[in-house]
Protein backbone atom coordinates (compact mmCIF):
# COMPACT_ATOMS: atom_id res chain seq x y z
CA UNK A 1 2.66 -26.70 -17.46
CA UNK A 2 2.98 -25.78 -21.16
CA UNK A 3 3.75 -22.71 -22.95
CA UNK A 4 1.33 -20.45 -24.35
CA UNK A 5 3.14 -19.77 -27.52
CA UNK A 6 3.27 -23.18 -28.51
CA UNK A 7 4.83 -26.35 -27.41
CA UNK A 8 8.17 -25.36 -27.16
CA UNK A 9 9.71 -27.81 -24.90
CA UNK A 10 8.10 -31.02 -26.00
CA UNK A 11 10.66 -31.28 -29.17
CA UNK A 12 12.98 -34.09 -29.70
CA UNK A 13 15.35 -32.30 -27.28
CA UNK A 14 13.32 -32.91 -24.13
CA UNK A 15 11.99 -30.60 -21.61
CA UNK A 16 13.34 -27.61 -20.43
CA UNK A 17 13.94 -29.36 -17.08
CA UNK A 18 15.83 -31.78 -19.17
CA UNK A 19 17.89 -29.50 -20.72
CA UNK A 20 18.87 -28.14 -17.52
CA UNK A 21 19.52 -31.45 -15.91
CA UNK A 22 21.97 -32.06 -18.73
CA UNK A 23 23.51 -28.57 -18.75
CA UNK A 24 24.87 -28.98 -15.50
CA UNK A 25 27.37 -31.34 -16.78
CA UNK A 26 27.43 -30.56 -20.35
CA UNK A 27 26.75 -26.48 -20.61
CA UNK A 28 26.33 -26.48 -24.04
CA UNK A 29 23.40 -28.45 -23.63
CA UNK A 30 21.92 -24.86 -22.26
CA UNK A 31 21.68 -23.12 -25.52
CA UNK A 32 18.48 -25.54 -26.18
CA UNK A 33 16.65 -23.68 -23.33
CA UNK A 34 18.28 -19.81 -24.78
CA UNK A 35 17.04 -20.85 -28.65
CA UNK A 36 13.38 -21.71 -27.19
CA UNK A 37 12.74 -18.77 -24.62
CA UNK A 38 14.86 -15.98 -25.65
CA UNK A 39 12.62 -14.84 -28.13
CA UNK A 40 9.83 -14.12 -25.69
CA UNK A 41 12.02 -12.81 -22.88
CA UNK A 42 13.47 -10.20 -25.00
CA UNK A 43 9.91 -9.16 -26.35
CA UNK A 44 8.94 -9.09 -22.59
CA UNK A 45 12.18 -7.06 -21.73
CA UNK A 46 11.52 -4.68 -25.05
CA UNK A 47 8.06 -3.71 -23.95
CA UNK A 48 8.82 -2.84 -20.44
CA UNK A 49 12.17 -1.18 -21.42
CA UNK A 50 12.68 -0.48 -24.52
CA UNK A 51 14.55 -2.38 -27.54
CA UNK A 52 18.05 -1.25 -26.89
CA UNK A 53 18.20 -2.13 -23.18
CA UNK A 54 16.47 -5.55 -23.75
CA UNK A 55 19.35 -6.45 -26.21
CA UNK A 56 21.29 -6.12 -23.23
CA UNK A 57 18.80 -7.83 -20.31
CA UNK A 58 18.23 -10.85 -22.64
CA UNK A 59 21.67 -11.54 -22.37
CA UNK A 60 22.04 -11.06 -18.93
CA UNK A 61 19.06 -12.72 -17.64
CA UNK A 62 20.11 -16.14 -19.55
CA UNK A 63 23.67 -15.57 -17.82
CA UNK A 64 22.31 -15.73 -14.60
CA UNK A 65 20.21 -18.50 -15.79
CA UNK A 66 23.18 -20.05 -16.58
CA UNK A 67 24.81 -19.73 -13.63
CA UNK A 68 22.00 -20.91 -10.97
CA UNK A 69 20.98 -23.79 -13.36
CA UNK A 70 22.04 -26.17 -10.89
CA UNK A 71 19.79 -24.98 -8.31
CA UNK A 72 17.08 -25.13 -10.75
CA UNK A 73 13.25 -27.25 -9.59
CA UNK A 74 13.49 -30.29 -12.12
CA UNK A 75 9.93 -30.65 -11.21
CA UNK A 76 8.79 -27.71 -13.18
CA UNK A 77 9.38 -28.92 -17.04
CA UNK A 78 8.55 -25.24 -18.68
CA UNK A 79 10.99 -22.86 -17.17
CA UNK A 80 10.05 -20.05 -18.62
CA UNK A 81 8.05 -18.71 -15.09
CA UNK A 82 11.78 -18.84 -13.71
CA UNK A 83 13.21 -17.01 -16.83
CA UNK A 84 10.70 -14.17 -16.54
CA UNK A 85 11.13 -14.35 -12.95
CA UNK A 86 15.03 -13.39 -13.46
CA UNK A 87 13.96 -11.01 -16.04
CA UNK A 88 11.79 -8.92 -13.79
CA UNK A 89 14.48 -8.92 -11.04
CA UNK A 90 16.79 -6.85 -13.72
CA UNK A 91 13.77 -4.78 -14.62
CA UNK A 92 13.72 -3.47 -11.08
CA UNK A 93 16.99 -2.12 -11.22
CA UNK A 94 15.94 -0.05 -14.08
CA UNK A 95 12.47 1.14 -13.07
CA UNK A 96 13.18 4.69 -14.07
CA UNK A 97 13.81 3.74 -17.62
CA UNK A 98 10.80 1.87 -17.82
CA UNK A 99 8.77 4.73 -16.58
CA UNK A 100 10.46 7.20 -19.30
CA UNK A 101 9.59 4.43 -21.75
CA UNK A 102 5.94 4.35 -20.83
CA UNK A 103 5.64 8.06 -20.65
CA UNK A 104 7.45 8.50 -24.28
CA UNK A 105 5.08 6.19 -25.60
CA UNK A 106 2.07 7.97 -24.28
CA UNK A 107 3.73 10.95 -26.22
CA UNK A 108 4.07 8.94 -29.23
CA UNK A 109 0.25 7.78 -29.20
CA UNK A 110 -0.66 11.48 -29.40
CA UNK A 111 0.75 11.66 -32.90
CA UNK A 112 -1.57 10.88 -36.04
CA UNK A 113 -2.32 10.98 -39.49
CA UNK A 114 -4.29 13.70 -40.71
CA UNK A 115 -5.22 12.89 -44.71
CA UNK A 116 -6.99 9.65 -43.68
CA UNK A 117 -10.95 9.60 -44.18
CA UNK A 118 -12.70 11.05 -41.18
CA UNK A 119 -14.05 7.74 -39.72
CA UNK A 120 -10.37 6.21 -39.83
CA UNK A 121 -9.04 9.32 -38.01
CA UNK A 122 -11.64 8.98 -35.53
CA UNK A 123 -11.00 5.26 -34.76
CA UNK A 124 -7.23 6.10 -34.93
CA UNK A 125 -7.34 8.97 -32.33
CA UNK A 126 -9.50 6.81 -30.17
CA UNK A 127 -6.86 4.00 -30.13
CA UNK A 128 -4.02 6.72 -29.98
CA UNK A 129 -5.73 8.45 -26.58
CA UNK A 130 -6.30 4.78 -24.83
CA UNK A 131 -2.50 4.06 -25.84
CA UNK A 132 -1.41 7.36 -24.05
CA UNK A 133 -3.88 6.41 -21.18
CA UNK A 134 -2.91 2.77 -20.78
CA UNK A 135 1.05 3.89 -20.92
CA UNK A 136 0.50 6.96 -17.94
CA UNK A 137 -1.71 3.62 -16.28
CA UNK A 138 1.16 1.36 -16.51
CA UNK A 139 3.59 3.78 -15.20
CA UNK A 140 1.70 5.20 -11.99
CA UNK A 141 1.43 1.26 -10.69
CA UNK A 142 3.53 0.09 -7.93
CA UNK A 143 6.58 -2.18 -9.12
CA UNK A 144 4.68 -5.49 -7.70
CA UNK A 145 1.62 -4.25 -9.16
CA UNK A 146 2.88 -3.54 -12.91
CA UNK A 147 5.04 -7.00 -12.52
CA UNK A 148 2.10 -8.88 -12.07
CA UNK A 149 0.31 -7.66 -14.46
CA UNK A 150 2.11 -7.29 -17.26
CA UNK A 151 3.42 -11.02 -16.96
CA UNK A 152 -0.53 -12.14 -17.34
CA UNK A 153 -1.61 -9.90 -19.44
CA UNK A 154 1.42 -9.66 -21.76
CA UNK A 155 3.04 -12.88 -21.60
CA UNK A 156 0.41 -15.38 -20.76
CA UNK A 157 1.35 -17.04 -17.57
CA UNK A 158 -1.52 -18.42 -15.60
CA UNK A 159 -1.22 -17.37 -11.63
CA UNK A 160 0.88 -20.02 -10.61
CA UNK A 161 3.35 -19.49 -12.94
CA UNK A 162 3.43 -15.95 -12.01
CA UNK A 163 3.65 -16.89 -8.30
CA UNK A 164 6.80 -19.28 -9.30
CA UNK A 165 8.29 -16.20 -11.33
CA UNK A 166 8.34 -13.56 -8.52
CA UNK A 167 8.64 -16.45 -5.33
CA UNK A 168 5.12 -14.65 -4.17
CA UNK A 169 1.91 -16.68 -3.07
CA UNK A 170 -0.86 -17.30 -5.80
CA UNK A 171 -3.13 -15.09 -3.33
CA UNK A 172 -1.04 -12.07 -3.62
CA UNK A 173 -0.89 -12.79 -7.48
CA UNK A 174 -4.30 -12.48 -7.43
CA UNK A 175 -4.82 -9.24 -5.06
CA UNK A 176 -1.88 -7.55 -7.08
CA UNK A 177 -3.78 -7.91 -10.19
CA UNK A 178 -7.10 -7.22 -9.12
CA UNK A 179 -5.44 -3.87 -7.51
CA UNK A 180 -3.71 -3.33 -10.65
CA UNK A 181 -6.83 -3.83 -13.20
CA UNK A 182 -8.70 -1.44 -11.00
CA UNK A 183 -5.91 1.37 -11.01
CA UNK A 184 -5.64 0.84 -14.84
CA UNK A 185 -9.19 1.14 -15.37
CA UNK A 186 -10.06 4.03 -13.35
CA UNK A 187 -7.38 5.77 -15.89
CA UNK A 188 -8.99 4.26 -18.73
CA UNK A 189 -12.36 4.99 -17.77
CA UNK A 190 -12.03 8.85 -17.09
CA UNK A 191 -12.37 10.17 -20.50
CA UNK A 192 -14.51 7.66 -21.91
CA UNK A 193 -17.17 10.46 -22.50
CA UNK A 194 -14.74 12.59 -24.86
CA UNK A 195 -11.90 9.94 -26.48
CA UNK A 196 -12.75 11.02 -29.94
CA UNK A 197 -12.22 14.13 -29.16
CA UNK A 198 -8.89 13.96 -27.10
CA UNK A 199 -10.21 16.89 -24.91
CA UNK A 200 -6.88 17.73 -22.62
CA UNK A 201 -8.41 17.68 -19.67
CA UNK A 202 -9.39 14.31 -19.37
CA UNK A 203 -6.70 12.78 -21.14
CA UNK A 204 -4.18 14.16 -18.88
CA UNK A 205 -6.58 13.17 -15.82
CA UNK A 206 -5.44 10.27 -13.74
CA UNK A 207 -8.68 9.14 -12.53
């Protein structure tokens, strides 16, 4: 399936599958896969764990992929779901760090500039309140639900690609996504009546 970030695997070097197959005998060919997808994997990891952790884990992701390349399913021309699956498994070892990252973002979202025009301040406060609530909601999701939601919402993977990445049935992807969306919506809807005033009781409510 074609990458949603552009036809990265349709250039002169061939598809990801072709380059991975070539890399079994010629390891240097794997660099093409790294160059194509490392920015996307790094962005995904940074969103979940912060930039510092992402710098380390993106290298671990591609090292693990390189070691497993001989077993790659060559019928799949796009390696992104496979790489996201490896990265997500690495994230699972940093769940506490991920939850801490979301909570830090939630606290940071409360900060605001005080020298803006009133309308701009109101809009900014609303966005900050929503950002804080979203961070709270993500932190409270189960591991599996959060993995599915973020691969779809942040990385633009299709249901079948997420199923491939996580090694679960498409039906499970759908049920986890529906559950995650429902829980996030409960949190985001809770303070809906007073967002612009950042009412303390409502913005800290978990729905």
